[in-house]
């Protein structure tokens, strides 16, 4: 089974994350965390990066 299928998104969605065109939403991040935990993959760095990007985007919206 492909990674995208396992976390319930399309391959093109994962591609958009990889290219920085999109970021996962909260629901997807929860599924991604569960996926990582099931495979004993470190998730902390992913979560930290996602939170930093979300905070940065929120600050940009406030500045408008």
N, C-alpha and C. Protein backbone atom coordinates (compact mmCIF):
# COMPACT_ATOMS: atom_id res chain seq x y z
N UNK A 1 0.85 -1.18 0.00
CA UNK A 1 0.00 0.00 0.00
C UNK A 1 0.89 1.24 0.00
N UNK A 2 0.52 2.21 -0.77
CA UNK A 2 1.27 3.45 -0.88
C UNK A 2 1.09 4.33 0.36
N UNK A 3 2.09 5.16 0.63
CA UNK A 3 2.05 6.07 1.77
C UNK A 3 0.78 6.93 1.74
N UNK A 4 0.50 7.56 0.60
CA UNK A 4 -0.67 8.44 0.50
C UNK A 4 -1.96 7.70 0.86
N UNK A 5 -2.09 6.49 0.36
CA UNK A 5 -3.29 5.69 0.67
C UNK A 5 -3.39 5.42 2.17
N UNK A 6 -2.27 5.13 2.78
CA UNK A 6 -2.28 4.79 4.21
C UNK A 6 -2.73 5.95 5.09
N UNK A 7 -2.48 7.18 4.64
CA UNK A 7 -2.91 8.31 5.45
C UNK A 7 -4.17 8.98 4.89
N UNK A 8 -4.73 8.38 3.84
CA UNK A 8 -6.03 8.83 3.34
C UNK A 8 -6.02 10.07 2.47
N UNK A 9 -4.93 10.26 1.70
CA UNK A 9 -4.86 11.38 0.77
C UNK A 9 -4.40 10.86 -0.59
N UNK A 10 -4.48 11.70 -1.60
CA UNK A 10 -4.04 11.29 -2.93
C UNK A 10 -2.53 11.50 -3.09
N UNK A 11 -1.98 10.84 -4.10
CA UNK A 11 -0.56 11.02 -4.42
C UNK A 11 -0.28 12.48 -4.75
N UNK A 12 -1.19 13.12 -5.47
CA UNK A 12 -0.97 14.52 -5.86
C UNK A 12 -0.96 15.43 -4.64
N UNK A 13 -1.72 15.10 -3.61
CA UNK A 13 -1.69 15.89 -2.38
C UNK A 13 -0.32 15.80 -1.72
N UNK A 14 0.22 14.60 -1.63
CA UNK A 14 1.56 14.42 -1.05
C UNK A 14 2.57 15.20 -1.88
N UNK A 15 2.43 15.16 -3.20
CA UNK A 15 3.33 15.90 -4.07
C UNK A 15 3.26 17.40 -3.79
N UNK A 16 2.07 17.92 -3.55
CA UNK A 16 1.93 19.35 -3.22
C UNK A 16 2.60 19.69 -1.90
N UNK A 17 2.56 18.78 -0.95
CA UNK A 17 3.26 19.00 0.33
C UNK A 17 4.76 19.06 0.08
N UNK A 18 5.24 18.12 -0.72
CA UNK A 18 6.68 18.03 -0.98
C UNK A 18 7.21 19.26 -1.70
N UNK A 19 6.40 19.86 -2.54
CA UNK A 19 6.83 21.04 -3.29
C UNK A 19 6.52 22.34 -2.55
N UNK A 20 5.86 22.25 -1.40
CA UNK A 20 5.55 23.43 -0.61
C UNK A 20 4.32 24.20 -1.07
N UNK A 21 3.57 23.63 -2.00
CA UNK A 21 2.36 24.31 -2.49
C UNK A 21 1.20 24.21 -1.51
N UNK A 22 1.24 23.20 -0.66
CA UNK A 22 0.19 22.97 0.35
C UNK A 22 0.84 22.41 1.60
N UNK A 23 0.07 22.44 2.68
CA UNK A 23 0.46 21.79 3.92
C UNK A 23 -0.70 20.92 4.38
N UNK A 24 -0.41 19.85 5.10
CA UNK A 24 -1.49 19.00 5.62
C UNK A 24 -2.36 19.78 6.61
N UNK A 25 -3.64 19.45 6.64
CA UNK A 25 -4.53 20.06 7.62
C UNK A 25 -4.42 19.28 8.93
N UNK A 26 -5.10 19.75 9.96
CA UNK A 26 -5.00 19.14 11.29
C UNK A 26 -5.42 17.66 11.26
N UNK A 27 -6.51 17.37 10.60
CA UNK A 27 -6.99 15.99 10.52
C UNK A 27 -5.95 15.07 9.88
N UNK A 28 -5.34 15.53 8.81
CA UNK A 28 -4.33 14.74 8.13
C UNK A 28 -3.08 14.60 8.99
N UNK A 29 -2.72 15.64 9.71
CA UNK A 29 -1.57 15.55 10.60
C UNK A 29 -1.79 14.49 11.68
N UNK A 30 -3.01 14.36 12.15
CA UNK A 30 -3.30 13.32 13.15
C UNK A 30 -3.11 11.93 12.54
N UNK A 31 -3.56 11.75 11.29
CA UNK A 31 -3.38 10.46 10.62
C UNK A 31 -1.90 10.21 10.33
N UNK A 32 -1.18 11.25 9.96
CA UNK A 32 0.25 11.13 9.70
C UNK A 32 1.00 10.75 10.98
N UNK A 33 0.60 11.35 12.09
CA UNK A 33 1.23 11.02 13.38
C UNK A 33 0.98 9.56 13.74
N UNK A 34 -0.25 9.09 13.55
CA UNK A 34 -0.58 7.69 13.84
C UNK A 34 0.23 6.75 12.95
N UNK A 35 0.38 7.12 11.69
CA UNK A 35 1.18 6.33 10.74
C UNK A 35 2.62 6.23 11.23
N UNK A 36 3.20 7.36 11.59
CA UNK A 36 4.58 7.37 12.08
C UNK A 36 4.73 6.56 13.36
N UNK A 37 3.80 6.72 14.27
CA UNK A 37 3.88 5.99 15.54
C UNK A 37 3.79 4.48 15.30
N UNK A 38 2.93 4.06 14.37
CA UNK A 38 2.77 2.63 14.09
C UNK A 38 4.05 2.03 13.53
N UNK A 39 4.84 2.84 12.84
CA UNK A 39 6.08 2.35 12.23
C UNK A 39 7.33 2.79 13.01
N UNK A 40 7.12 3.34 14.20
CA UNK A 40 8.23 3.81 15.04
C UNK A 40 9.12 4.82 14.30
N UNK A 41 8.48 5.75 13.59
CA UNK A 41 9.17 6.82 12.88
C UNK A 41 9.04 8.09 13.72
N UNK A 42 10.16 8.78 13.91
CA UNK A 42 10.16 10.04 14.67
C UNK A 42 9.22 11.03 14.00
N UNK A 43 8.31 11.61 14.77
CA UNK A 43 7.33 12.54 14.22
C UNK A 43 7.55 13.97 14.71
N UNK A 44 8.29 14.15 15.78
CA UNK A 44 8.46 15.46 16.40
C UNK A 44 8.93 16.54 15.45
N UNK A 45 9.93 16.25 14.62
CA UNK A 45 10.44 17.25 13.68
C UNK A 45 9.39 17.64 12.65
N UNK A 46 8.63 16.67 12.19
CA UNK A 46 7.56 16.95 11.21
C UNK A 46 6.51 17.86 11.84
N UNK A 47 6.12 17.52 13.05
CA UNK A 47 5.11 18.31 13.75
C UNK A 47 5.61 19.74 14.03
N UNK A 48 6.85 19.84 14.46
CA UNK A 48 7.43 21.17 14.73
C UNK A 48 7.46 22.03 13.47
N UNK A 49 7.87 21.44 12.35
CA UNK A 49 7.92 22.18 11.09
C UNK A 49 6.53 22.61 10.65
N UNK A 50 5.56 21.72 10.81
CA UNK A 50 4.18 22.03 10.43
C UNK A 50 3.63 23.17 11.29
N UNK A 51 3.88 23.10 12.59
CA UNK A 51 3.40 24.16 13.48
C UNK A 51 4.06 25.50 13.17
N UNK A 52 5.34 25.48 12.87
CA UNK A 52 6.05 26.72 12.53
C UNK A 52 5.48 27.33 11.26
N UNK A 53 5.21 26.49 10.27
CA UNK A 53 4.66 27.00 9.01
C UNK A 53 3.25 27.53 9.22
N UNK A 54 2.44 26.83 10.01
CA UNK A 54 1.07 27.28 10.28
C UNK A 54 1.08 28.62 11.03
N UNK A 55 1.99 28.77 11.97
CA UNK A 55 2.11 30.02 12.73
C UNK A 55 2.54 31.15 11.81
N UNK A 56 3.50 30.88 10.94
CA UNK A 56 3.98 31.88 10.00
C UNK A 56 2.86 32.34 9.06
N UNK A 57 2.06 31.39 8.57
CA UNK A 57 0.95 31.73 7.68
C UNK A 57 -0.10 32.56 8.42
N UNK A 58 -0.37 32.21 9.67
CA UNK A 58 -1.35 32.97 10.46
C UNK A 58 -0.86 34.39 10.69
N UNK A 59 0.43 34.56 10.95
CA UNK A 59 0.98 35.90 11.15
C UNK A 59 0.89 36.73 9.88
N UNK A 60 1.11 36.11 8.73
CA UNK A 60 0.99 36.81 7.46
C UNK A 60 -0.43 37.28 7.22
N UNK A 61 -1.39 36.45 7.59
CA UNK A 61 -2.81 36.81 7.42
C UNK A 61 -3.17 38.00 8.31
N UNK A 62 -2.62 38.03 9.51
CA UNK A 62 -2.90 39.14 10.44
C UNK A 62 -2.32 40.44 9.93
N UNK A 63 -1.21 40.37 9.21
CA UNK A 63 -0.56 41.57 8.70
C UNK A 63 -1.28 42.21 7.52
N UNK A 64 -2.18 41.49 6.91
CA UNK A 64 -2.89 42.01 5.73
C UNK A 64 -3.88 43.08 6.09
